Amino acid sequence: MCRSIRQLRRADDAGPATTGEARAAALQYVRKISGFREPSARNAEAFRDAVEEIAHATQHLLEAIGTDVAEGPDPFADPVTRRAIIAARGTRPSRGARSSGLPPLTPAGDSRG
């Protein structure tokens, strides 16, 4: 999946997704599928139409699975808001972090630990 597309389904207490978020996800999807970041003049109308249709379908899907969708911009588009959202989430362990609570393994013959 395209890493730039965020999950829009929300927990009940997390607030609604926005139409701006649905459109941003649709734009990333169309860019990925078409292979164009910006379409040529010849393809611009088809590109725009695809983004709008996919954004509309995304909103319907979210509503059907119980996620509210409110009119509004993509909050991640504003760098200040983006930093605040990420900071509010707190820190997460890195992908390589050990979760077992055990000390890291040492190489054979190493006298540490």
Protein backbone atom coordinates (compact mmCIF):
# COMPACT_ATOMS: atom_id res chain seq x y z
CA MET A 1 0.00 0.00 0.00
CA CYS A 2 1.15 3.55 -0.60
CA ARG A 3 2.80 4.75 2.60
CA SER A 4 1.40 8.26 2.16
CA ILE A 5 -2.19 7.07 2.54
CA ARG A 6 -3.26 7.17 6.19
CA GLN A 7 -5.92 5.01 7.77
CA LEU A 8 -9.09 7.10 8.04
CA ARG A 9 -11.23 4.70 10.07
CA ARG A 10 -11.37 6.16 13.56
CA ALA A 11 -12.07 4.96 17.07
CA ASP A 12 -15.31 6.44 18.41
CA ASP A 13 -13.50 8.99 20.58
CA ALA A 14 -11.00 10.11 17.92
CA GLY A 15 -13.36 12.39 16.01
CA PRO A 16 -14.48 12.23 12.41
CA ALA A 17 -12.37 11.85 9.32
CA THR A 18 -12.56 14.88 7.03
CA THR A 19 -13.41 15.31 3.39
CA GLY A 20 -9.93 16.77 2.94
CA GLU A 21 -8.37 13.57 4.28
CA ALA A 22 -10.50 11.47 1.91
CA ARG A 23 -9.43 13.64 -1.01
CA ALA A 24 -5.75 13.48 -0.01
CA ALA A 25 -5.94 9.68 0.16
CA ALA A 26 -7.68 9.58 -3.24
CA LEU A 27 -5.00 11.81 -4.75
CA GLN A 28 -2.21 9.56 -3.44
CA TYR A 29 -4.02 6.49 -4.79
CA VAL A 30 -4.49 8.00 -8.26
CA ARG A 31 -0.85 9.13 -8.33
CA LYS A 32 0.30 5.63 -7.43
CA ILE A 33 -1.95 3.86 -9.94
CA SER A 34 -1.33 6.28 -12.82
CA GLY A 35 2.38 6.69 -12.21
CA PHE A 36 2.03 10.48 -12.51
CA ARG A 37 2.60 13.00 -9.74
CA GLU A 38 1.07 15.64 -12.00
CA PRO A 39 -0.78 14.61 -15.15
CA SER A 40 -0.11 16.06 -18.57
CA ALA A 41 -2.59 18.58 -19.94
CA ARG A 42 -4.08 15.81 -22.04
CA ASN A 43 -4.75 13.61 -18.97
CA ALA A 44 -5.60 16.32 -16.42
CA GLU A 45 -9.38 15.98 -16.66
CA ALA A 46 -9.32 12.18 -16.30
CA PHE A 47 -6.91 12.52 -13.37
CA ARG A 48 -9.14 15.08 -11.58
CA ASP A 49 -12.27 13.02 -12.24
CA ALA A 50 -10.63 9.89 -10.83
CA VAL A 51 -9.56 11.73 -7.66
CA GLU A 52 -13.06 13.09 -7.10
CA GLU A 53 -14.76 9.73 -7.74
CA ILE A 54 -12.39 7.89 -5.40
CA ALA A 55 -12.74 10.56 -2.69
CA HIS A 56 -16.53 10.23 -2.95
CA ALA A 57 -16.36 6.42 -2.75
CA THR A 58 -13.99 6.71 0.24
CA GLN A 59 -16.48 8.89 2.11
CA HIS A 60 -19.29 6.41 1.43
CA LEU A 61 -17.15 3.49 2.60
CA LEU A 62 -16.16 5.27 5.83
CA GLU A 63 -19.77 6.16 6.58
CA ALA A 64 -20.89 2.59 5.84
CA ILE A 65 -18.39 1.15 8.33
CA GLY A 66 -19.37 3.62 11.03
CA THR A 67 -16.78 6.40 10.72
CA ASP A 68 -18.22 9.90 10.57
CA VAL A 69 -16.92 12.16 7.80
CA ALA A 70 -17.03 15.91 8.36
CA GLU A 71 -16.48 18.70 5.85
CA GLY A 72 -13.04 20.13 6.34
CA PRO A 73 -9.43 20.21 5.26
CA ASP A 74 -6.81 17.53 5.70
CA PRO A 75 -5.27 18.40 9.09
CA PHE A 76 -1.95 16.90 7.99
CA ALA A 77 -1.66 19.46 5.18
CA ASP A 78 -0.76 22.17 7.72
CA PRO A 79 2.74 21.52 9.15
CA VAL A 80 1.90 23.04 12.56
CA THR A 81 -1.22 20.92 12.97
CA ARG A 82 0.65 17.85 11.71
CA ARG A 83 3.36 18.25 14.40
CA ALA A 84 0.73 18.73 17.10
CA ILE A 85 -1.14 15.56 16.04
CA ILE A 86 2.05 13.51 16.00
CA ALA A 87 3.17 14.90 19.37
CA ALA A 88 -0.23 14.11 20.91
CA ARG A 89 0.14 10.48 19.88
CA GLY A 90 3.23 10.12 22.05
CA THR A 91 6.30 8.16 21.20
CA ARG A 92 6.10 4.67 19.84
CA PRO A 93 8.85 2.08 20.03
CA SER A 94 10.87 1.80 16.85
CA ARG A 95 10.23 -1.16 14.59
CA GLY A 96 13.45 -2.80 15.73
CA ALA A 97 12.77 -2.28 19.44
CA ARG A 98 12.50 -5.41 21.54
CA SER A 99 9.20 -5.81 23.33
CA SER A 100 10.06 -8.90 25.42
CA GLY A 101 11.62 -6.93 28.28
CA LEU A 102 14.71 -9.15 28.10
CA PRO A 103 18.17 -7.67 27.73
CA PRO A 104 19.63 -7.76 24.20
CA LEU A 105 21.52 -10.85 23.18
CA THR A 106 25.31 -10.68 23.22
CA PRO A 107 27.54 -12.38 20.66
CA ALA A 108 29.02 -15.78 21.59
CA GLY A 109 32.19 -15.48 23.64
CA ASP A 110 31.29 -11.97 24.84
CA SER A 111 31.70 -11.77 28.61
CA ARG A 112 29.23 -8.93 29.12
CA GLY A 113 26.01 -9.72 30.96
